Protein backbone atom coordinates (compact mmCIF):
# COMPACT_ATOMS: atom_id res chain seq x y z
CA MET A 1 -71.12 42.55 -24.10
CA THR A 2 -70.10 45.87 -22.57
CA GLY A 3 -70.53 47.58 -19.27
CA PRO A 4 -70.31 46.16 -15.75
CA TRP A 5 -70.53 42.52 -16.85
CA ARG A 6 -67.23 42.68 -18.70
CA VAL A 7 -64.37 41.34 -16.56
CA ARG A 8 -60.66 42.05 -16.99
CA VAL A 9 -58.78 38.76 -16.76
CA ALA A 10 -54.99 38.55 -16.42
CA LEU A 11 -53.73 35.39 -18.14
CA ILE A 12 -50.34 34.72 -16.54
CA VAL A 13 -47.82 32.42 -18.24
CA GLY A 14 -45.79 30.95 -15.38
CA SER A 15 -42.99 29.03 -17.09
CA THR A 16 -39.76 30.86 -17.89
CA ARG A 17 -37.43 28.02 -18.86
CA ALA A 18 -35.91 27.53 -22.31
CA GLY A 19 -38.00 25.31 -24.57
CA ARG A 20 -41.08 25.89 -22.43
CA PHE A 21 -44.54 24.70 -23.43
CA GLY A 22 -46.44 27.36 -21.48
CA PRO A 23 -46.92 29.76 -24.41
CA THR A 24 -48.61 26.97 -26.39
CA VAL A 25 -51.08 26.36 -23.57
CA ALA A 26 -51.56 30.12 -23.16
CA ASP A 27 -52.22 30.54 -26.90
CA TRP A 28 -55.00 27.96 -26.65
CA LEU A 29 -56.42 29.65 -23.56
CA ALA A 30 -56.23 33.10 -25.11
CA GLY A 31 -58.19 31.82 -28.08
CA ARG A 32 -60.85 30.33 -25.84
CA LEU A 33 -61.01 33.44 -23.64
CA GLY A 34 -61.20 35.65 -26.73
CA ARG A 35 -64.46 33.95 -27.77
CA ARG A 36 -66.14 35.10 -24.58
CA ARG A 37 -67.74 38.51 -24.85
CA ASP A 38 -67.77 38.93 -21.06
CA MET A 39 -63.97 39.10 -20.73
CA GLU A 40 -61.17 41.49 -21.54
CA LEU A 41 -57.82 39.71 -21.65
CA ASP A 42 -54.39 40.93 -20.48
CA ARG A 43 -51.73 38.32 -21.24
CA ILE A 44 -48.72 38.49 -18.90
CA ASP A 45 -45.65 36.36 -19.62
CA LEU A 46 -43.35 36.04 -16.62
CA ALA A 47 -40.44 35.31 -18.97
CA GLU A 48 -40.84 38.86 -20.29
CA ALA A 49 -41.77 40.56 -17.00
CA ALA A 50 -38.11 40.75 -15.90
CA LEU A 51 -38.86 40.68 -12.18
CA PRO A 52 -35.71 40.62 -10.06
CA ASP A 53 -35.10 37.53 -7.94
CA ARG A 54 -34.40 39.63 -4.84
CA LEU A 55 -37.31 41.29 -3.08
CA PRO A 56 -36.59 44.81 -1.81
CA ASP A 57 -36.85 46.08 1.75
CA PRO A 58 -40.26 47.63 2.48
CA ASP A 59 -38.81 51.17 2.35
CA GLU A 60 -37.02 50.66 -1.00
CA PRO A 61 -38.73 51.86 -4.16
CA LEU A 62 -40.00 49.17 -6.50
CA PRO A 63 -37.94 48.61 -9.64
CA PRO A 64 -39.62 49.60 -12.92
CA ALA A 65 -40.43 45.99 -13.90
CA ALA A 66 -42.28 45.40 -10.62
CA ARG A 67 -44.16 48.70 -10.88
CA ALA A 68 -45.26 47.86 -14.43
CA LEU A 69 -46.41 44.35 -13.57
CA GLY A 70 -48.05 45.52 -10.35
CA ALA A 71 -50.17 48.03 -12.26
CA ARG A 72 -51.40 45.30 -14.61
CA LEU A 73 -52.24 42.96 -11.73
CA ALA A 74 -54.00 45.76 -9.85
CA ALA A 75 -56.16 46.47 -12.91
CA ALA A 76 -57.28 42.84 -13.21
CA ASP A 77 -60.58 41.54 -11.82
CA ALA A 78 -59.47 37.88 -11.99
CA PHE A 79 -56.44 35.73 -12.74
CA VAL A 80 -55.83 32.59 -14.80
CA LEU A 81 -52.38 31.20 -14.05
CA VAL A 82 -50.88 28.78 -16.59
CA THR A 83 -48.19 26.73 -14.88
CA PRO A 84 -46.22 23.57 -15.48
CA GLU A 85 -45.70 21.10 -12.70
CA TYR A 86 -42.05 20.71 -11.78
CA ASN A 87 -41.10 18.15 -9.13
CA ARG A 88 -44.71 17.92 -7.85
CA SER A 89 -44.94 21.71 -7.45
CA PHE A 90 -44.95 24.99 -9.38
CA PRO A 91 -41.90 26.84 -10.76
CA ALA A 92 -39.85 29.32 -8.78
CA ALA A 93 -40.76 32.10 -11.25
CA VAL A 94 -44.41 31.76 -10.21
CA LYS A 95 -43.58 32.04 -6.50
CA ASN A 96 -41.33 35.01 -7.18
CA ALA A 97 -44.11 36.80 -9.06
CA VAL A 98 -46.64 36.03 -6.35
CA ASP A 99 -44.33 37.24 -3.58
CA TRP A 100 -43.56 40.59 -5.23
CA PHE A 101 -47.17 41.69 -4.75
CA ASP A 102 -49.81 41.75 -2.06
CA VAL A 103 -52.85 44.02 -2.40
CA GLU A 104 -52.84 43.45 -6.16
CA TRP A 105 -54.06 39.86 -5.53
CA ALA A 106 -56.46 40.62 -2.68
CA ALA A 107 -60.19 39.91 -2.98
CA LYS A 108 -59.87 38.66 -6.55
CA PRO A 109 -60.45 35.13 -7.85
CA VAL A 110 -57.73 32.97 -9.33
CA THR A 111 -57.82 29.66 -11.16
CA VAL A 112 -54.93 27.52 -12.32
CA VAL A 113 -54.40 25.71 -15.60
CA GLY A 114 -51.71 23.17 -14.80
CA TYR A 115 -49.94 20.91 -17.25
CA GLY A 116 -47.17 18.38 -17.41
CA GLY A 117 -45.81 15.24 -18.98
CA ASP A 118 -46.83 12.34 -16.78
CA ALA A 119 -48.04 14.80 -14.15
CA ASP A 120 -51.14 16.83 -14.91
CA GLY A 121 -50.37 20.00 -12.98
CA GLY A 122 -52.67 19.05 -10.12
CA HIS A 123 -49.94 19.22 -7.47
CA ALA A 124 -48.94 22.71 -8.67
CA ALA A 125 -52.57 23.85 -8.56
CA ALA A 126 -53.14 22.38 -5.09
CA GLN A 127 -49.99 24.00 -3.68
CA LEU A 128 -50.92 27.40 -5.07
CA ARG A 129 -54.24 27.43 -3.16
CA PRO A 130 -52.77 28.22 0.28
CA VAL A 131 -50.22 30.60 -1.24
CA PHE A 132 -52.93 32.71 -2.88
CA GLY A 133 -55.18 32.31 0.15
CA GLU A 134 -52.49 33.84 2.34
CA LEU A 135 -52.59 36.92 0.10
CA ASN A 136 -56.37 37.16 0.44
CA ALA A 137 -56.94 36.10 -3.17
CA VAL A 138 -59.81 33.67 -3.74
CA PRO A 139 -58.60 30.41 -5.30
CA ILE A 140 -61.72 28.99 -6.93
CA ARG A 141 -62.55 25.31 -6.66
CA ARG A 142 -62.36 24.55 -10.36
CA THR A 143 -58.99 24.21 -12.04
CA VAL A 144 -57.90 22.65 -15.32
CA THR A 145 -55.20 19.99 -15.38
CA ILE A 146 -53.64 18.64 -18.56
CA THR A 147 -51.51 15.51 -18.61
CA LYS A 148 -49.22 14.38 -21.44
CA VAL A 149 -49.28 17.82 -23.05
CA TRP A 150 -46.79 16.88 -25.78
CA GLN A 151 -49.03 14.02 -26.96
CA ARG A 152 -52.13 16.20 -27.39
CA PHE A 153 -51.39 17.71 -30.80
CA ALA A 154 -53.94 17.23 -33.57
CA GLY A 155 -53.00 15.85 -36.99
CA ASP A 156 -52.85 19.39 -38.44
CA GLY A 157 -50.29 20.44 -35.81
CA SER A 158 -52.70 22.46 -33.67
CA TRP A 159 -52.80 22.08 -29.92
CA PRO A 160 -54.73 20.59 -28.25
CA ARG A 161 -56.57 18.05 -30.35
CA ARG A 162 -60.34 18.08 -29.81
CA ASP A 163 -61.15 16.89 -26.32
CA ALA A 164 -64.69 17.38 -25.04
CA GLU A 165 -63.65 16.67 -21.45
CA LEU A 166 -60.92 19.33 -21.53
CA ASP A 167 -63.29 21.85 -23.16
CA GLU A 168 -65.93 21.15 -20.51
CA ALA A 169 -63.42 21.51 -17.66
CA LEU A 170 -62.20 24.85 -19.02
CA ASP A 171 -65.71 26.21 -19.61
CA ALA A 172 -66.75 25.24 -16.07
CA ALA A 173 -63.63 26.86 -14.57
CA LEU A 174 -64.15 30.07 -16.56
CA ASP A 175 -67.84 30.27 -15.66
CA GLN A 176 -66.99 29.91 -11.97
CA LEU A 177 -64.13 32.42 -12.28
CA MET A 178 -66.49 34.96 -13.88
CA TRP A 179 -69.10 34.53 -11.13
CA TRP A 180 -66.51 35.18 -8.43
CA ALA A 181 -64.91 38.04 -10.38
CA ARG A 182 -68.21 39.93 -10.64
CA ALA A 183 -69.23 39.22 -7.04
CA LEU A 184 -65.88 40.30 -5.62
CA ARG A 185 -65.62 43.37 -7.86
CA GLU A 186 -69.01 44.50 -6.62
CA ALA A 187 -68.01 43.82 -3.02
CA ARG A 188 -64.75 45.80 -3.43
CA ALA A 189 -66.69 48.69 -4.93
CA GLN A 190 -69.15 48.78 -2.04
CA THR A 191 -66.67 48.24 0.79
CA PRO A 192 -62.90 48.54 0.57
CA PHE A 193 -61.24 45.23 1.36
CA VAL A 194 -59.75 45.02 4.86
CA ARG A 195 -56.59 42.95 5.16
């Protein structure tokens, strides 16, 4: 599918810690997103983004890493954030990345794919809703949560093993994300967003 129905989706890997599982979840998601002809994927790994921990004063120029990431976020029509749940919340690297930017998130939909061991990422997803809402992003209702991620490997070593419920949850979230992405892109094209 080409033309105005194609949506640019930024797939953001939120974990930066050593031994992280986020890239495995993101690989699965990228494969699923790649099957959809209505999406163009931009995979962003916060472990490679090299954002500084200190935010600059408003009159300071942005460092090169922030300028580069900001351009990619600005070009996106929608966001899928892959995040682990740490201590009933999301990692500091995710909050740092969110806080570096403002208009790049505005009037664009975001969904969360949360994962964990005994936790399923639901607390991280729920806590990100007001954070993104404050930046005028549109956190969609549907999210995907995955519990016991390390126990979900198939016999051949692939992740995740077949799970109709997980597939259905992801398809529903992506369908809703696409609806909002198209509607908001059209709205932004007709009328500039007012903050």
